[in-house]
mmCIF file of all heavy atoms, coordinates in Angstrom:
data_MODEL
# 
_entry.id   MODEL 
# 
loop_
_atom_site.group_PDB 
_atom_site.id 
_atom_site.type_symbol 
_atom_site.label_atom_id 
_atom_site.label_alt_id 
_atom_site.label_comp_id 
_atom_site.label_asym_id 
_atom_site.label_entity_id 
_atom_site.label_seq_id 
_atom_site.pdbx_PDB_ins_code 
_atom_site.Cartn_x 
_atom_site.Cartn_y 
_atom_site.Cartn_z 
_atom_site.occupancy 
_atom_site.B_iso_or_equiv 
_atom_site.pdbx_formal_charge 
_atom_site.auth_seq_id 
_atom_site.auth_comp_id 
_atom_site.auth_asym_id 
_atom_site.auth_atom_id 
_atom_site.pdbx_PDB_model_num 
ATOM 1   N N   . LEU A 1 1  ? 73.462 -66.733 150.701 1.00 0.00 ? 1  LEU A N   1 
ATOM 2   C CA  . LEU A 1 1  ? 73.385 -67.690 151.718 1.00 0.00 ? 1  LEU A CA  1 
ATOM 3   C C   . LEU A 1 1  ? 72.364 -67.313 152.813 1.00 0.00 ? 1  LEU A C   1 
ATOM 4   O O   . LEU A 1 1  ? 71.545 -68.162 153.234 1.00 0.00 ? 1  LEU A O   1 
ATOM 5   C CB  . LEU A 1 1  ? 74.727 -67.974 152.426 1.00 0.00 ? 1  LEU A CB  1 
ATOM 6   C CG  . LEU A 1 1  ? 74.910 -68.873 153.659 1.00 0.00 ? 1  LEU A CG  1 
ATOM 7   C CD1 . LEU A 1 1  ? 74.505 -70.310 153.157 1.00 0.00 ? 1  LEU A CD1 1 
ATOM 8   C CD2 . LEU A 1 1  ? 76.062 -68.766 154.370 1.00 0.00 ? 1  LEU A CD2 1 
ATOM 9   N N   . GLN A 1 2  ? 72.351 -66.034 153.143 1.00 0.00 ? 2  GLN A N   1 
ATOM 10  C CA  . GLN A 1 2  ? 71.422 -65.493 154.065 1.00 0.00 ? 2  GLN A CA  1 
ATOM 11  C C   . GLN A 1 2  ? 69.918 -65.753 153.590 1.00 0.00 ? 2  GLN A C   1 
ATOM 12  O O   . GLN A 1 2  ? 68.955 -66.030 154.193 1.00 0.00 ? 2  GLN A O   1 
ATOM 13  C CB  . GLN A 1 2  ? 71.683 -64.130 154.535 1.00 0.00 ? 2  GLN A CB  1 
ATOM 14  C CG  . GLN A 1 2  ? 72.908 -63.942 155.374 1.00 0.00 ? 2  GLN A CG  1 
ATOM 15  C CD  . GLN A 1 2  ? 73.372 -62.541 155.463 1.00 0.00 ? 2  GLN A CD  1 
ATOM 16  O OE1 . GLN A 1 2  ? 73.175 -61.766 154.544 1.00 0.00 ? 2  GLN A OE1 1 
ATOM 17  N NE2 . GLN A 1 2  ? 74.148 -62.294 156.408 1.00 0.00 ? 2  GLN A NE2 1 
ATOM 18  N N   . MET A 1 3  ? 69.840 -65.538 152.250 1.00 0.00 ? 3  MET A N   1 
ATOM 19  C CA  . MET A 1 3  ? 68.531 -65.761 151.565 1.00 0.00 ? 3  MET A CA  1 
ATOM 20  C C   . MET A 1 3  ? 68.121 -67.245 151.575 1.00 0.00 ? 3  MET A C   1 
ATOM 21  O O   . MET A 1 3  ? 66.906 -67.586 151.904 1.00 0.00 ? 3  MET A O   1 
ATOM 22  C CB  . MET A 1 3  ? 68.480 -65.331 150.041 1.00 0.00 ? 3  MET A CB  1 
ATOM 23  C CG  . MET A 1 3  ? 68.631 -63.836 149.971 1.00 0.00 ? 3  MET A CG  1 
ATOM 24  S SD  . MET A 1 3  ? 68.710 -63.430 148.179 1.00 0.00 ? 3  MET A SD  1 
ATOM 25  C CE  . MET A 1 3  ? 68.671 -61.703 148.259 1.00 0.00 ? 3  MET A CE  1 
ATOM 26  N N   . MET A 1 4  ? 68.982 -68.159 151.530 1.00 0.00 ? 4  MET A N   1 
ATOM 27  C CA  . MET A 1 4  ? 68.698 -69.534 151.522 1.00 0.00 ? 4  MET A CA  1 
ATOM 28  C C   . MET A 1 4  ? 68.481 -70.116 152.856 1.00 0.00 ? 4  MET A C   1 
ATOM 29  O O   . MET A 1 4  ? 67.749 -70.930 153.060 1.00 0.00 ? 4  MET A O   1 
ATOM 30  C CB  . MET A 1 4  ? 69.832 -70.310 150.725 1.00 0.00 ? 4  MET A CB  1 
ATOM 31  C CG  . MET A 1 4  ? 69.912 -70.009 149.188 1.00 0.00 ? 4  MET A CG  1 
ATOM 32  S SD  . MET A 1 4  ? 71.087 -71.055 148.352 1.00 0.00 ? 4  MET A SD  1 
ATOM 33  C CE  . MET A 1 4  ? 72.696 -70.358 148.854 1.00 0.00 ? 4  MET A CE  1 
ATOM 34  N N   . THR A 1 5  ? 69.245 -69.728 153.883 1.00 0.00 ? 5  THR A N   1 
ATOM 35  C CA  . THR A 1 5  ? 69.230 -70.355 155.201 1.00 0.00 ? 5  THR A CA  1 
ATOM 36  C C   . THR A 1 5  ? 68.802 -69.493 156.262 1.00 0.00 ? 5  THR A C   1 
ATOM 37  O O   . THR A 1 5  ? 68.575 -69.938 157.336 1.00 0.00 ? 5  THR A O   1 
ATOM 38  C CB  . THR A 1 5  ? 70.685 -70.762 155.530 1.00 0.00 ? 5  THR A CB  1 
ATOM 39  O OG1 . THR A 1 5  ? 71.511 -69.829 155.760 1.00 0.00 ? 5  THR A OG1 1 
ATOM 40  C CG2 . THR A 1 5  ? 71.254 -71.642 154.439 1.00 0.00 ? 5  THR A CG2 1 
ATOM 41  N N   . GLY A 1 6  ? 68.762 -68.175 156.108 1.00 0.00 ? 6  GLY A N   1 
ATOM 42  C CA  . GLY A 1 6  ? 68.291 -67.175 157.172 1.00 0.00 ? 6  GLY A CA  1 
ATOM 43  C C   . GLY A 1 6  ? 69.391 -66.770 158.038 1.00 0.00 ? 6  GLY A C   1 
ATOM 44  O O   . GLY A 1 6  ? 69.293 -65.923 158.954 1.00 0.00 ? 6  GLY A O   1 
ATOM 45  N N   . GLN A 1 7  ? 70.661 -67.315 157.697 1.00 0.00 ? 7  GLN A N   1 
ATOM 46  C CA  . GLN A 1 7  ? 71.789 -66.871 158.555 1.00 0.00 ? 7  GLN A CA  1 
ATOM 47  C C   . GLN A 1 7  ? 73.117 -66.941 157.670 1.00 0.00 ? 7  GLN A C   1 
ATOM 48  O O   . GLN A 1 7  ? 73.084 -67.443 156.660 1.00 0.00 ? 7  GLN A O   1 
ATOM 49  C CB  . GLN A 1 7  ? 71.935 -67.751 159.752 1.00 0.00 ? 7  GLN A CB  1 
ATOM 50  C CG  . GLN A 1 7  ? 72.014 -69.251 159.377 1.00 0.00 ? 7  GLN A CG  1 
ATOM 51  C CD  . GLN A 1 7  ? 72.136 -70.024 160.650 1.00 0.00 ? 7  GLN A CD  1 
ATOM 52  O OE1 . GLN A 1 7  ? 71.930 -69.480 161.879 1.00 0.00 ? 7  GLN A OE1 1 
ATOM 53  N NE2 . GLN A 1 7  ? 72.166 -71.385 160.646 1.00 0.00 ? 7  GLN A NE2 1 
ATOM 54  N N   . GLY A 1 8  ? 74.282 -66.406 158.245 1.00 0.00 ? 8  GLY A N   1 
ATOM 55  C CA  . GLY A 1 8  ? 75.372 -66.334 157.419 1.00 0.00 ? 8  GLY A CA  1 
ATOM 56  C C   . GLY A 1 8  ? 76.559 -66.591 158.551 1.00 0.00 ? 8  GLY A C   1 
ATOM 57  O O   . GLY A 1 8  ? 76.369 -66.728 159.626 1.00 0.00 ? 8  GLY A O   1 
ATOM 58  N N   . GLY A 1 9  ? 77.814 -66.415 157.947 1.00 0.00 ? 9  GLY A N   1 
ATOM 59  C CA  . GLY A 1 9  ? 78.973 -66.489 158.841 1.00 0.00 ? 9  GLY A CA  1 
ATOM 60  C C   . GLY A 1 9  ? 80.073 -67.093 157.953 1.00 0.00 ? 9  GLY A C   1 
ATOM 61  O O   . GLY A 1 9  ? 79.938 -67.485 156.820 1.00 0.00 ? 9  GLY A O   1 
ATOM 62  N N   . TRP A 1 10 ? 81.270 -67.208 158.527 1.00 0.00 ? 10 TRP A N   1 
ATOM 63  C CA  . TRP A 1 10 ? 82.408 -67.828 157.912 1.00 0.00 ? 10 TRP A CA  1 
ATOM 64  C C   . TRP A 1 10 ? 82.888 -68.893 158.679 1.00 0.00 ? 10 TRP A C   1 
ATOM 65  O O   . TRP A 1 10 ? 82.851 -68.915 159.981 1.00 0.00 ? 10 TRP A O   1 
ATOM 66  C CB  . TRP A 1 10 ? 83.452 -66.713 157.844 1.00 0.00 ? 10 TRP A CB  1 
ATOM 67  C CG  . TRP A 1 10 ? 83.026 -65.559 156.937 1.00 0.00 ? 10 TRP A CG  1 
ATOM 68  C CD1 . TRP A 1 10 ? 83.139 -65.559 155.486 1.00 0.00 ? 10 TRP A CD1 1 
ATOM 69  C CD2 . TRP A 1 10 ? 82.480 -64.446 157.332 1.00 0.00 ? 10 TRP A CD2 1 
ATOM 70  N NE1 . TRP A 1 10 ? 82.576 -64.278 155.092 1.00 0.00 ? 10 TRP A NE1 1 
ATOM 71  C CE2 . TRP A 1 10 ? 82.184 -63.609 156.192 1.00 0.00 ? 10 TRP A CE2 1 
ATOM 72  C CE3 . TRP A 1 10 ? 82.174 -63.790 158.572 1.00 0.00 ? 10 TRP A CE3 1 
ATOM 73  C CZ2 . TRP A 1 10 ? 81.692 -62.286 156.206 1.00 0.00 ? 10 TRP A CZ2 1 
ATOM 74  C CZ3 . TRP A 1 10 ? 81.670 -62.546 158.643 1.00 0.00 ? 10 TRP A CZ3 1 
ATOM 75  C CH2 . TRP A 1 10 ? 81.356 -61.789 157.434 1.00 0.00 ? 10 TRP A CH2 1 
ATOM 76  N N   . PRO A 1 11 ? 83.367 -70.041 158.050 1.00 0.00 ? 11 PRO A N   1 
ATOM 77  C CA  . PRO A 1 11 ? 83.608 -70.118 156.647 1.00 0.00 ? 11 PRO A CA  1 
ATOM 78  C C   . PRO A 1 11 ? 82.166 -70.004 155.931 1.00 0.00 ? 11 PRO A C   1 
ATOM 79  O O   . PRO A 1 11 ? 81.396 -70.711 156.367 1.00 0.00 ? 11 PRO A O   1 
ATOM 80  C CB  . PRO A 1 11 ? 84.380 -71.380 156.390 1.00 0.00 ? 11 PRO A CB  1 
ATOM 81  C CG  . PRO A 1 11 ? 83.968 -72.259 157.680 1.00 0.00 ? 11 PRO A CG  1 
ATOM 82  C CD  . PRO A 1 11 ? 83.865 -71.317 158.798 1.00 0.00 ? 11 PRO A CD  1 
ATOM 83  N N   . LEU A 1 12 ? 82.147 -69.513 154.722 1.00 0.00 ? 12 LEU A N   1 
ATOM 84  C CA  . LEU A 1 12 ? 81.060 -69.516 153.945 1.00 0.00 ? 12 LEU A CA  1 
ATOM 85  C C   . LEU A 1 12 ? 81.368 -70.541 152.823 1.00 0.00 ? 12 LEU A C   1 
ATOM 86  O O   . LEU A 1 12 ? 82.234 -70.377 152.047 1.00 0.00 ? 12 LEU A O   1 
ATOM 87  C CB  . LEU A 1 12 ? 80.844 -68.077 153.211 1.00 0.00 ? 12 LEU A CB  1 
ATOM 88  C CG  . LEU A 1 12 ? 79.979 -67.852 151.970 1.00 0.00 ? 12 LEU A CG  1 
ATOM 89  C CD1 . LEU A 1 12 ? 78.672 -68.531 152.233 1.00 0.00 ? 12 LEU A CD1 1 
ATOM 90  C CD2 . LEU A 1 12 ? 79.939 -66.515 151.599 1.00 0.00 ? 12 LEU A CD2 1 
ATOM 91  N N   . ASN A 1 13 ? 80.561 -71.557 152.828 1.00 0.00 ? 13 ASN A N   1 
ATOM 92  C CA  . ASN A 1 13 ? 80.693 -72.659 151.813 1.00 0.00 ? 13 ASN A CA  1 
ATOM 93  C C   . ASN A 1 13 ? 79.421 -72.802 150.974 1.00 0.00 ? 13 ASN A C   1 
ATOM 94  O O   . ASN A 1 13 ? 78.340 -73.046 151.622 1.00 0.00 ? 13 ASN A O   1 
ATOM 95  C CB  . ASN A 1 13 ? 80.995 -74.056 152.653 1.00 0.00 ? 13 ASN A CB  1 
ATOM 96  C CG  . ASN A 1 13 ? 82.353 -73.994 153.415 1.00 0.00 ? 13 ASN A CG  1 
ATOM 97  O OD1 . ASN A 1 13 ? 83.323 -73.674 152.705 1.00 0.00 ? 13 ASN A OD1 1 
ATOM 98  N ND2 . ASN A 1 13 ? 82.333 -74.255 154.667 1.00 0.00 ? 13 ASN A ND2 1 
ATOM 99  N N   . ILE A 1 14 ? 79.577 -72.636 149.790 1.00 0.00 ? 14 ILE A N   1 
ATOM 100 C CA  . ILE A 1 14 ? 78.330 -72.545 148.940 1.00 0.00 ? 14 ILE A CA  1 
ATOM 101 C C   . ILE A 1 14 ? 78.654 -73.172 147.495 1.00 0.00 ? 14 ILE A C   1 
ATOM 102 O O   . ILE A 1 14 ? 79.766 -73.153 147.038 1.00 0.00 ? 14 ILE A O   1 
ATOM 103 C CB  . ILE A 1 14 ? 77.933 -70.991 148.804 1.00 0.00 ? 14 ILE A CB  1 
ATOM 104 C CG1 . ILE A 1 14 ? 76.518 -70.854 148.278 1.00 0.00 ? 14 ILE A CG1 1 
ATOM 105 C CG2 . ILE A 1 14 ? 78.974 -70.341 147.876 1.00 0.00 ? 14 ILE A CG2 1 
ATOM 106 C CD1 . ILE A 1 14 ? 76.015 -69.435 148.447 1.00 0.00 ? 14 ILE A CD1 1 
ATOM 107 N N   . PHE A 1 15 ? 77.559 -73.822 146.925 1.00 0.00 ? 15 PHE A N   1 
ATOM 108 C CA  . PHE A 1 15 ? 77.799 -74.545 145.701 1.00 0.00 ? 15 PHE A CA  1 
ATOM 109 C C   . PHE A 1 15 ? 77.200 -73.644 144.648 1.00 0.00 ? 15 PHE A C   1 
ATOM 110 O O   . PHE A 1 15 ? 75.943 -73.175 144.750 1.00 0.00 ? 15 PHE A O   1 
ATOM 111 C CB  . PHE A 1 15 ? 77.059 -75.832 145.793 1.00 0.00 ? 15 PHE A CB  1 
ATOM 112 C CG  . PHE A 1 15 ? 77.737 -76.854 146.823 1.00 0.00 ? 15 PHE A CG  1 
ATOM 113 C CD1 . PHE A 1 15 ? 77.238 -76.705 148.116 1.00 0.00 ? 15 PHE A CD1 1 
ATOM 114 C CD2 . PHE A 1 15 ? 78.766 -77.651 146.544 1.00 0.00 ? 15 PHE A CD2 1 
ATOM 115 C CE1 . PHE A 1 15 ? 77.821 -77.565 149.148 1.00 0.00 ? 15 PHE A CE1 1 
ATOM 116 C CE2 . PHE A 1 15 ? 79.253 -78.427 147.480 1.00 0.00 ? 15 PHE A CE2 1 
ATOM 117 C CZ  . PHE A 1 15 ? 78.882 -78.446 148.750 1.00 0.00 ? 15 PHE A CZ  1 
ATOM 118 N N   . LEU A 1 16 ? 77.912 -73.563 143.562 1.00 0.00 ? 16 LEU A N   1 
ATOM 119 C CA  . LEU A 1 16 ? 77.458 -72.690 142.328 1.00 0.00 ? 16 LEU A CA  1 
ATOM 120 C C   . LEU A 1 16 ? 77.228 -73.631 141.106 1.00 0.00 ? 16 LEU A C   1 
ATOM 121 O O   . LEU A 1 16 ? 78.011 -74.539 140.929 1.00 0.00 ? 16 LEU A O   1 
ATOM 122 C CB  . LEU A 1 16 ? 78.503 -71.656 142.043 1.00 0.00 ? 16 LEU A CB  1 
ATOM 123 C CG  . LEU A 1 16 ? 79.167 -70.857 143.224 1.00 0.00 ? 16 LEU A CG  1 
ATOM 124 C CD1 . LEU A 1 16 ? 80.082 -69.863 142.652 1.00 0.00 ? 16 LEU A CD1 1 
ATOM 125 C CD2 . LEU A 1 16 ? 78.046 -70.191 144.094 1.00 0.00 ? 16 LEU A CD2 1 
ATOM 126 N N   . SER A 1 17 ? 76.308 -73.163 140.286 1.00 0.00 ? 17 SER A N   1 
ATOM 127 C CA  . SER A 1 17 ? 76.064 -73.699 139.010 1.00 0.00 ? 17 SER A CA  1 
ATOM 128 C C   . SER A 1 17 ? 77.272 -73.200 138.093 1.00 0.00 ? 17 SER A C   1 
ATOM 129 O O   . SER A 1 17 ? 77.473 -72.151 138.038 1.00 0.00 ? 17 SER A O   1 
ATOM 130 C CB  . SER A 1 17 ? 74.748 -73.414 138.500 1.00 0.00 ? 17 SER A CB  1 
ATOM 131 O OG  . SER A 1 17 ? 74.451 -74.141 137.187 1.00 0.00 ? 17 SER A OG  1 
ATOM 132 N N   . PRO A 1 18 ? 77.915 -74.235 137.338 1.00 0.00 ? 18 PRO A N   1 
ATOM 133 C CA  . PRO A 1 18 ? 79.044 -73.809 136.533 1.00 0.00 ? 18 PRO A CA  1 
ATOM 134 C C   . PRO A 1 18 ? 78.797 -72.916 135.325 1.00 0.00 ? 18 PRO A C   1 
ATOM 135 O O   . PRO A 1 18 ? 79.686 -72.124 134.964 1.00 0.00 ? 18 PRO A O   1 
ATOM 136 C CB  . PRO A 1 18 ? 79.728 -75.118 136.142 1.00 0.00 ? 18 PRO A CB  1 
ATOM 137 C CG  . PRO A 1 18 ? 78.565 -76.088 136.110 1.00 0.00 ? 18 PRO A CG  1 
ATOM 138 C CD  . PRO A 1 18 ? 77.709 -75.677 137.199 1.00 0.00 ? 18 PRO A CD  1 
ATOM 139 N N   . ASP A 1 19 ? 77.545 -72.920 134.900 1.00 0.00 ? 19 ASP A N   1 
ATOM 140 C CA  . ASP A 1 19 ? 77.296 -72.218 133.761 1.00 0.00 ? 19 ASP A CA  1 
ATOM 141 C C   . ASP A 1 19 ? 76.972 -70.748 133.891 1.00 0.00 ? 19 ASP A C   1 
ATOM 142 O O   . ASP A 1 19 ? 77.236 -69.882 132.978 1.00 0.00 ? 19 ASP A O   1 
ATOM 143 C CB  . ASP A 1 19 ? 76.074 -72.766 132.877 1.00 0.00 ? 19 ASP A CB  1 
ATOM 144 C CG  . ASP A 1 19 ? 74.927 -72.878 133.831 1.00 0.00 ? 19 ASP A CG  1 
ATOM 145 O OD1 . ASP A 1 19 ? 75.052 -73.081 135.066 1.00 0.00 ? 19 ASP A OD1 1 
ATOM 146 O OD2 . ASP A 1 19 ? 73.719 -72.808 133.266 1.00 0.00 ? 19 ASP A OD2 1 
ATOM 147 N N   . ASP A 1 20 ? 76.484 -70.402 135.212 1.00 0.00 ? 20 ASP A N   1 
ATOM 148 C CA  . ASP A 1 20 ? 76.091 -69.045 135.311 1.00 0.00 ? 20 ASP A CA  1 
ATOM 149 C C   . ASP A 1 20 ? 76.522 -68.495 136.714 1.00 0.00 ? 20 ASP A C   1 
ATOM 150 O O   . ASP A 1 20 ? 76.218 -67.348 137.131 1.00 0.00 ? 20 ASP A O   1 
ATOM 151 C CB  . ASP A 1 20 ? 74.590 -68.724 135.219 1.00 0.00 ? 20 ASP A CB  1 
ATOM 152 C CG  . ASP A 1 20 ? 73.811 -69.865 136.054 1.00 0.00 ? 20 ASP A CG  1 
ATOM 153 O OD1 . ASP A 1 20 ? 74.452 -70.428 136.932 1.00 0.00 ? 20 ASP A OD1 1 
ATOM 154 O OD2 . ASP A 1 20 ? 72.575 -70.019 135.774 1.00 0.00 ? 20 ASP A OD2 1 
ATOM 155 N N   . LEU A 1 21 ? 77.194 -69.363 137.460 1.00 0.00 ? 21 LEU A N   1 
ATOM 156 C CA  . LEU A 1 21 ? 77.700 -69.002 138.804 1.00 0.00 ? 21 LEU A CA  1 
ATOM 157 C C   . LEU A 1 21 ? 76.611 -68.637 139.848 1.00 0.00 ? 21 LEU A C   1 
ATOM 158 O O   . LEU A 1 21 ? 76.905 -68.026 140.854 1.00 0.00 ? 21 LEU A O   1 
ATOM 159 C CB  . LEU A 1 21 ? 78.674 -67.742 138.840 1.00 0.00 ? 21 LEU A CB  1 
ATOM 160 C CG  . LEU A 1 21 ? 79.915 -68.041 137.876 1.00 0.00 ? 21 LEU A CG  1 
ATOM 161 C CD1 . LEU A 1 21 ? 80.791 -66.813 137.993 1.00 0.00 ? 21 LEU A CD1 1 
ATOM 162 C CD2 . LEU A 1 21 ? 80.596 -69.232 138.207 1.00 0.00 ? 21 LEU A CD2 1 
ATOM 163 N N   . VAL A 1 22 ? 75.363 -69.026 139.739 1.00 0.00 ? 22 VAL A N   1 
ATOM 164 C CA  . VAL A 1 22 ? 74.276 -68.841 140.560 1.00 0.00 ? 22 VAL A CA  1 
ATOM 165 C C   . VAL A 1 22 ? 74.380 -69.958 141.730 1.00 0.00 ? 22 VAL A C   1 
ATOM 166 O O   . VAL A 1 22 ? 74.525 -71.116 141.403 1.00 0.00 ? 22 VAL A O   1 
ATOM 167 C CB  . VAL A 1 22 ? 72.945 -68.985 139.802 1.00 0.00 ? 22 VAL A CB  1 
ATOM 168 C CG1 . VAL A 1 22 ? 71.849 -68.780 140.849 1.00 0.00 ? 22 VAL A CG1 1 
ATOM 169 C CG2 . VAL A 1 22 ? 72.794 -67.794 138.802 1.00 0.00 ? 22 VAL A CG2 1 
ATOM 170 N N   . PRO A 1 23 ? 74.215 -69.591 142.918 1.00 0.00 ? 23 PRO A N   1 
ATOM 171 C CA  . PRO A 1 23 ? 74.331 -70.445 143.981 1.00 0.00 ? 23 PRO A CA  1 
ATOM 172 C C   . PRO A 1 23 ? 73.011 -71.207 144.111 1.00 0.00 ? 23 PRO A C   1 
ATOM 173 O O   . PRO A 1 23 ? 71.915 -70.716 143.864 1.00 0.00 ? 23 PRO A O   1 
ATOM 174 C CB  . PRO A 1 23 ? 74.702 -69.716 145.142 1.00 0.00 ? 23 PRO A CB  1 
ATOM 175 C CG  . PRO A 1 23 ? 74.044 -68.346 144.880 1.00 0.00 ? 23 PRO A CG  1 
ATOM 176 C CD  . PRO A 1 23 ? 74.185 -68.152 143.398 1.00 0.00 ? 23 PRO A CD  1 
ATOM 177 N N   . PHE A 1 24 ? 73.126 -72.518 144.617 1.00 0.00 ? 24 PHE A N   1 
ATOM 178 C CA  . PHE A 1 24 ? 71.875 -73.258 144.801 1.00 0.00 ? 24 PHE A CA  1 
ATOM 179 C C   . PHE A 1 24 ? 71.898 -74.086 146.208 1.00 0.00 ? 24 PHE A C   1 
ATOM 180 O O   . PHE A 1 24 ? 70.735 -74.418 146.687 1.00 0.00 ? 24 PHE A O   1 
ATOM 181 C CB  . PHE A 1 24 ? 71.603 -74.273 143.768 1.00 0.00 ? 24 PHE A CB  1 
ATOM 182 C CG  . PHE A 1 24 ? 72.638 -75.212 143.371 1.00 0.00 ? 24 PHE A CG  1 
ATOM 183 C CD1 . PHE A 1 24 ? 72.659 -76.629 143.896 1.00 0.00 ? 24 PHE A CD1 1 
ATOM 184 C CD2 . PHE A 1 24 ? 73.776 -74.844 142.598 1.00 0.00 ? 24 PHE A CD2 1 
ATOM 185 C CE1 . PHE A 1 24 ? 73.604 -77.417 143.756 1.00 0.00 ? 24 PHE A CE1 1 
ATOM 186 C CE2 . PHE A 1 24 ? 74.755 -75.791 142.371 1.00 0.00 ? 24 PHE A CE2 1 
ATOM 187 C CZ  . PHE A 1 24 ? 74.745 -77.111 142.961 1.00 0.00 ? 24 PHE A CZ  1 
# 
């Protein structure tokens, strides 16, 4: 998340590809 948006925190809500669990 920090790589994608430059920041993080909770709740952490993220979408993963089902075949390999890589977030997008």
